[in-house]
Amino acid sequence: MTAEQLSKIIVKGMEEKKASNIVVMDLRKIKNTVSDFFVICSGNSDTQIEAISDSIEEMAFKAGESSPFRVEGKSGKQWILMDYVDVVAHIFLKDKREYYGLEELWGDAKVTRVG
């Protein structure tokens, strides 16, 4: 599965649990990036961001993708990072997303807003 295909599956997993403000950032043309895509979304509660994370993992698994290489933040439930190596999903509580401003840090990326 290509990184682009996986990013679309991650978006579906986010949409399944009503994530808001979904953004796909294409990092492939930027030097020294950690992955090909960032897929970022917001949730309204710690329960919702955990459900979004579970949905992404389930959708990716059904599509034939193995479990994420690493998952960070599930215990804190404010920012969950799911590292699929070529694609990294970031699931934020709304206020944490604004605070960290990932979209601004990777300002050279091609950004696609979903929905």
N, C-alpha and C. Protein backbone atom coordinates (compact mmCIF):
# COMPACT_ATOMS: atom_id res chain seq x y z
N MET A 1 0.85 -1.17 0.00
CA MET A 1 0.00 0.00 0.00
C MET A 1 0.90 1.24 0.00
N THR A 2 0.56 2.20 -0.84
CA THR A 2 1.35 3.43 -0.90
C THR A 2 1.01 4.33 0.29
N ALA A 3 1.89 5.28 0.54
CA ALA A 3 1.65 6.24 1.62
C ALA A 3 0.39 7.06 1.32
N GLU A 4 0.18 7.40 0.06
CA GLU A 4 -0.99 8.18 -0.31
C GLU A 4 -2.28 7.39 -0.05
N GLN A 5 -2.28 6.10 -0.38
CA GLN A 5 -3.45 5.25 -0.11
C GLN A 5 -3.71 5.15 1.39
N LEU A 6 -2.66 4.97 2.15
CA LEU A 6 -2.79 4.86 3.60
C LEU A 6 -3.34 6.17 4.20
N SER A 7 -2.89 7.30 3.67
CA SER A 7 -3.39 8.57 4.20
C SER A 7 -4.90 8.69 3.97
N LYS A 8 -5.39 8.18 2.84
CA LYS A 8 -6.83 8.21 2.57
C LYS A 8 -7.60 7.30 3.51
N ILE A 9 -7.04 6.16 3.85
CA ILE A 9 -7.67 5.24 4.80
C ILE A 9 -7.71 5.88 6.19
N ILE A 10 -6.65 6.56 6.56
CA ILE A 10 -6.61 7.25 7.85
C ILE A 10 -7.69 8.33 7.90
N VAL A 11 -7.86 9.07 6.81
CA VAL A 11 -8.92 10.08 6.75
C VAL A 11 -10.29 9.42 6.96
N LYS A 12 -10.52 8.27 6.32
CA LYS A 12 -11.80 7.57 6.50
C LYS A 12 -12.01 7.17 7.96
N GLY A 13 -10.96 6.71 8.61
CA GLY A 13 -11.05 6.36 10.03
C GLY A 13 -11.40 7.56 10.89
N MET A 14 -10.85 8.72 10.53
CA MET A 14 -11.17 9.95 11.25
C MET A 14 -12.62 10.35 11.02
N GLU A 15 -13.03 10.30 9.76
CA GLU A 15 -14.40 10.69 9.42
C GLU A 15 -15.43 9.79 10.09
N GLU A 16 -15.09 8.52 10.21
CA GLU A 16 -16.00 7.54 10.83
C GLU A 16 -16.40 7.95 12.25
N LYS A 17 -15.51 8.64 12.94
CA LYS A 17 -15.77 9.05 14.33
C LYS A 17 -15.97 10.56 14.44
N LYS A 18 -16.36 11.18 13.33
CA LYS A 18 -16.76 12.61 13.31
C LYS A 18 -15.64 13.56 13.73
N ALA A 19 -14.40 13.26 13.34
CA ALA A 19 -13.30 14.18 13.60
C ALA A 19 -13.55 15.48 12.85
N SER A 20 -13.03 16.57 13.36
CA SER A 20 -13.22 17.86 12.70
C SER A 20 -11.90 18.40 12.18
N ASN A 21 -12.01 19.33 11.23
CA ASN A 21 -10.86 20.05 10.69
C ASN A 21 -9.75 19.08 10.26
N ILE A 22 -10.10 18.13 9.40
CA ILE A 22 -9.12 17.14 8.92
C ILE A 22 -8.26 17.77 7.82
N VAL A 23 -6.95 17.60 7.97
CA VAL A 23 -5.99 18.15 7.03
C VAL A 23 -4.98 17.06 6.66
N VAL A 24 -4.69 16.94 5.35
CA VAL A 24 -3.64 16.04 4.89
C VAL A 24 -2.49 16.91 4.39
N MET A 25 -1.33 16.71 4.97
CA MET A 25 -0.15 17.48 4.59
C MET A 25 0.81 16.57 3.83
N ASP A 26 1.07 16.91 2.57
CA ASP A 26 1.99 16.16 1.72
C ASP A 26 3.39 16.73 1.92
N LEU A 27 4.26 15.94 2.54
CA LEU A 27 5.61 16.39 2.88
C LEU A 27 6.67 15.84 1.93
N ARG A 28 6.25 15.16 0.88
CA ARG A 28 7.21 14.46 0.02
C ARG A 28 8.22 15.37 -0.67
N LYS A 29 7.87 16.61 -0.94
CA LYS A 29 8.79 17.50 -1.65
C LYS A 29 9.62 18.37 -0.70
N ILE A 30 9.52 18.10 0.59
CA ILE A 30 10.28 18.86 1.58
C ILE A 30 11.46 18.01 2.05
N LYS A 31 12.64 18.58 2.04
CA LYS A 31 13.84 17.84 2.44
C LYS A 31 13.82 17.54 3.93
N ASN A 32 14.40 16.41 4.28
CA ASN A 32 14.62 16.00 5.68
C ASN A 32 13.34 15.86 6.50
N THR A 33 12.27 15.40 5.88
CA THR A 33 11.04 15.18 6.64
C THR A 33 11.04 13.79 7.23
N VAL A 34 10.24 13.62 8.27
CA VAL A 34 10.19 12.35 8.98
C VAL A 34 9.24 11.35 8.33
N SER A 35 8.35 11.81 7.47
CA SER A 35 7.42 10.91 6.79
C SER A 35 6.94 11.59 5.51
N ASP A 36 6.14 10.87 4.73
CA ASP A 36 5.61 11.42 3.48
C ASP A 36 4.35 12.26 3.70
N PHE A 37 3.54 11.86 4.68
CA PHE A 37 2.29 12.56 4.94
C PHE A 37 2.06 12.71 6.44
N PHE A 38 1.48 13.83 6.82
CA PHE A 38 0.86 14.01 8.13
C PHE A 38 -0.63 14.12 7.86
N VAL A 39 -1.42 13.41 8.64
CA VAL A 39 -2.87 13.56 8.60
C VAL A 39 -3.28 14.03 9.99
N ILE A 40 -3.90 15.20 10.03
CA ILE A 40 -4.18 15.87 11.31
C ILE A 40 -5.67 16.09 11.45
N CYS A 41 -6.18 15.87 12.66
CA CYS A 41 -7.59 16.16 12.93
C CYS A 41 -7.76 16.62 14.36
N SER A 42 -8.97 17.10 14.65
CA SER A 42 -9.31 17.52 16.00
C SER A 42 -10.50 16.73 16.50
N GLY A 43 -10.55 16.58 17.81
CA GLY A 43 -11.69 15.96 18.48
C GLY A 43 -12.14 16.86 19.63
N ASN A 44 -13.36 16.63 20.08
CA ASN A 44 -13.94 17.49 21.11
C ASN A 44 -13.70 17.01 22.53
N SER A 45 -13.28 15.75 22.70
CA SER A 45 -13.09 15.21 24.05
C SER A 45 -12.02 14.13 24.01
N ASP A 46 -11.52 13.77 25.19
CA ASP A 46 -10.53 12.70 25.25
C ASP A 46 -11.14 11.38 24.79
N THR A 47 -12.42 11.18 25.07
CA THR A 47 -13.11 9.95 24.62
C THR A 47 -13.17 9.91 23.10
N GLN A 48 -13.47 11.05 22.47
CA GLN A 48 -13.56 11.07 21.01
C GLN A 48 -12.19 10.86 20.37
N ILE A 49 -11.14 11.47 20.88
CA ILE A 49 -9.84 11.28 20.21
C ILE A 49 -9.35 9.84 20.37
N GLU A 50 -9.70 9.19 21.46
CA GLU A 50 -9.35 7.77 21.60
C GLU A 50 -10.15 6.93 20.60
N ALA A 51 -11.44 7.25 20.42
CA ALA A 51 -12.28 6.53 19.46
C ALA A 51 -11.77 6.73 18.03
N ILE A 52 -11.31 7.94 17.72
CA ILE A 52 -10.74 8.21 16.39
C ILE A 52 -9.50 7.35 16.18
N SER A 53 -8.64 7.30 17.17
CA SER A 53 -7.43 6.49 17.10
C SER A 53 -7.76 5.02 16.86
N ASP A 54 -8.73 4.50 17.60
CA ASP A 54 -9.14 3.10 17.44
C ASP A 54 -9.70 2.86 16.04
N SER A 55 -10.48 3.81 15.54
CA SER A 55 -11.08 3.70 14.22
C SER A 55 -10.01 3.67 13.12
N ILE A 56 -9.01 4.52 13.25
CA ILE A 56 -7.91 4.54 12.27
C ILE A 56 -7.21 3.19 12.25
N GLU A 57 -6.90 2.68 13.43
CA GLU A 57 -6.18 1.40 13.51
C GLU A 57 -7.02 0.27 12.90
N GLU A 58 -8.30 0.27 13.18
CA GLU A 58 -9.19 -0.76 12.64
C GLU A 58 -9.29 -0.67 11.12
N MET A 59 -9.47 0.53 10.59
CA MET A 59 -9.59 0.71 9.13
C MET A 59 -8.29 0.32 8.42
N ALA A 60 -7.16 0.72 8.99
CA ALA A 60 -5.87 0.39 8.38
C ALA A 60 -5.65 -1.12 8.40
N PHE A 61 -6.01 -1.76 9.50
CA PHE A 61 -5.85 -3.21 9.61
C PHE A 61 -6.72 -3.93 8.57
N LYS A 62 -7.97 -3.49 8.43
CA LYS A 62 -8.88 -4.10 7.44
C LYS A 62 -8.37 -3.92 6.02
N ALA A 63 -7.62 -2.85 5.78
CA ALA A 63 -7.07 -2.58 4.45
C ALA A 63 -5.75 -3.32 4.21
N GLY A 64 -5.31 -4.10 5.21
CA GLY A 64 -4.11 -4.90 5.05
C GLY A 64 -2.85 -4.27 5.62
N GLU A 65 -2.99 -3.16 6.28
CA GLU A 65 -1.84 -2.49 6.90
C GLU A 65 -1.61 -3.08 8.28
N SER A 66 -0.35 -3.22 8.66
CA SER A 66 -0.06 -3.73 10.00
C SER A 66 -0.32 -2.63 11.03
N SER A 67 -0.22 -2.97 12.27
CA SER A 67 -0.41 -1.99 13.35
C SER A 67 0.61 -0.87 13.22
N PRO A 68 0.32 0.29 13.80
CA PRO A 68 1.30 1.39 13.72
C PRO A 68 2.63 0.98 14.33
N PHE A 69 3.70 1.54 13.77
CA PHE A 69 5.05 1.31 14.30
C PHE A 69 5.11 1.76 15.75
N ARG A 70 4.45 2.90 16.03
CA ARG A 70 4.45 3.44 17.38
C ARG A 70 3.20 4.29 17.58
N VAL A 71 2.67 4.26 18.81
CA VAL A 71 1.55 5.12 19.19
C VAL A 71 1.96 5.85 20.45
N GLU A 72 1.80 7.17 20.45
CA GLU A 72 2.14 7.99 21.61
C GLU A 72 0.91 8.77 22.05
N GLY A 73 0.77 8.99 23.34
CA GLY A 73 -0.24 9.90 23.85
C GLY A 73 -1.58 9.29 24.23
N LYS A 74 -1.72 7.96 24.10
CA LYS A 74 -3.03 7.35 24.42
C LYS A 74 -3.37 7.52 25.90
N SER A 75 -2.38 7.53 26.75
CA SER A 75 -2.67 7.67 28.18
C SER A 75 -3.06 9.10 28.54
N GLY A 76 -2.45 10.09 27.89
CA GLY A 76 -2.75 11.49 28.17
C GLY A 76 -4.02 11.98 27.51
N LYS A 77 -4.34 11.39 26.36
CA LYS A 77 -5.57 11.69 25.60
C LYS A 77 -5.75 13.18 25.30
N GLN A 78 -4.67 13.85 24.93
CA GLN A 78 -4.78 15.24 24.48
C GLN A 78 -4.23 15.37 23.06
N TRP A 79 -3.24 14.54 22.74
CA TRP A 79 -2.64 14.50 21.42
C TRP A 79 -2.18 13.06 21.22
N ILE A 80 -2.83 12.34 20.35
CA ILE A 80 -2.43 10.96 20.04
C ILE A 80 -1.72 10.97 18.70
N LEU A 81 -0.52 10.42 18.68
CA LEU A 81 0.28 10.32 17.47
C LEU A 81 0.35 8.85 17.09
N MET A 82 0.00 8.55 15.84
CA MET A 82 0.05 7.18 15.34
C MET A 82 1.05 7.15 14.18
N ASP A 83 2.17 6.49 14.38
CA ASP A 83 3.26 6.48 13.41
C ASP A 83 3.21 5.22 12.55
N TYR A 84 2.81 5.41 11.29
CA TYR A 84 2.83 4.32 10.32
C TYR A 84 4.05 4.45 9.41
N VAL A 85 5.09 5.10 9.87
CA VAL A 85 6.37 5.36 9.22
C VAL A 85 6.22 6.38 8.07
N ASP A 86 5.60 5.99 6.95
CA ASP A 86 5.45 6.92 5.83
C ASP A 86 4.29 7.89 6.02
N VAL A 87 3.39 7.55 6.93
CA VAL A 87 2.24 8.41 7.24
C VAL A 87 2.12 8.49 8.77
N VAL A 88 1.97 9.71 9.27
CA VAL A 88 1.79 9.91 10.70
C VAL A 88 0.46 10.61 10.92
N ALA A 89 -0.39 9.99 11.75
CA ALA A 89 -1.68 10.57 12.09
C ALA A 89 -1.54 11.31 13.42
N HIS A 90 -2.07 12.53 13.46
CA HIS A 90 -2.06 13.35 14.67
C HIS A 90 -3.51 13.64 15.03
N ILE A 91 -3.92 13.24 16.22
CA ILE A 91 -5.30 13.45 16.68
C ILE A 91 -5.23 14.33 17.92
N PHE A 92 -5.77 15.53 17.80
CA PHE A 92 -5.63 16.53 18.86
C PHE A 92 -6.97 16.88 19.49
N LEU A 93 -6.92 17.24 20.78
CA LEU A 93 -8.00 18.05 21.34
C LEU A 93 -7.83 19.43 20.70
N LYS A 94 -8.93 20.12 20.46
CA LYS A 94 -8.87 21.37 19.70
C LYS A 94 -7.87 22.39 20.25
N ASP A 95 -7.88 22.62 21.56
CA ASP A 95 -6.98 23.62 22.12
C ASP A 95 -5.51 23.22 22.01
N LYS A 96 -5.22 21.94 22.09
CA LYS A 96 -3.83 21.46 21.97
C LYS A 96 -3.34 21.62 20.53
N ARG A 97 -4.22 21.42 19.57
CA ARG A 97 -3.83 21.58 18.17
C ARG A 97 -3.43 23.02 17.90
N GLU A 98 -4.20 23.95 18.41
CA GLU A 98 -3.87 25.37 18.23
C GLU A 98 -2.55 25.70 18.92
N TYR A 99 -2.33 25.15 20.09
CA TYR A 99 -1.11 25.43 20.86
C TYR A 99 0.14 24.95 20.11
N TYR A 100 0.11 23.72 19.58
CA TYR A 100 1.30 23.16 18.94
C TYR A 100 1.48 23.62 17.50
N GLY A 101 0.42 23.96 16.80
CA GLY A 101 0.50 24.56 15.47
C GLY A 101 1.33 23.81 14.45
N LEU A 102 1.10 22.50 14.32
CA LEU A 102 1.87 21.70 13.36
C LEU A 102 1.76 22.22 11.93
N GLU A 103 0.59 22.70 11.56
CA GLU A 103 0.41 23.20 10.19
C GLU A 103 1.37 24.35 9.90
N GLU A 104 1.63 25.19 10.90
CA GLU A 104 2.55 26.31 10.70
C GLU A 104 4.01 25.84 10.65
N LEU A 105 4.34 24.82 11.43
CA LEU A 105 5.71 24.31 11.44
C LEU A 105 6.12 23.73 10.09
N TRP A 106 5.17 23.14 9.39
CA TRP A 106 5.43 22.53 8.09
C TRP A 106 4.74 23.35 7.00
N GLY A 107 4.95 24.67 7.02
CA GLY A 107 4.28 25.58 6.14
C GLY A 107 4.54 25.37 4.66
N ASP A 108 5.65 24.69 4.29
CA ASP A 108 5.96 24.44 2.89
C ASP A 108 5.21 23.24 2.32
N ALA A 109 4.53 22.51 3.16
CA ALA A 109 3.84 21.30 2.69
C ALA A 109 2.60 21.65 1.86
N LYS A 110 2.27 20.76 0.95
CA LYS A 110 1.02 20.90 0.21
C LYS A 110 -0.10 20.43 1.16
N VAL A 111 -1.06 21.32 1.42
CA VAL A 111 -2.11 21.04 2.41
C VAL A 111 -3.44 20.82 1.70
N THR A 112 -4.11 19.73 2.04
CA THR A 112 -5.44 19.45 1.52
C THR A 112 -6.39 19.37 2.70
N ARG A 113 -7.40 20.22 2.70
CA ARG A 113 -8.43 20.19 3.75
C ARG A 113 -9.53 19.24 3.31
N VAL A 114 -9.96 18.39 4.24
CA VAL A 114 -10.98 17.39 3.94
C VAL A 114 -12.31 17.83 4.55
N GLY A 115 -13.36 17.74 3.74
CA GLY A 115 -14.71 18.04 4.24
C GLY A 115 -15.02 19.41 4.42
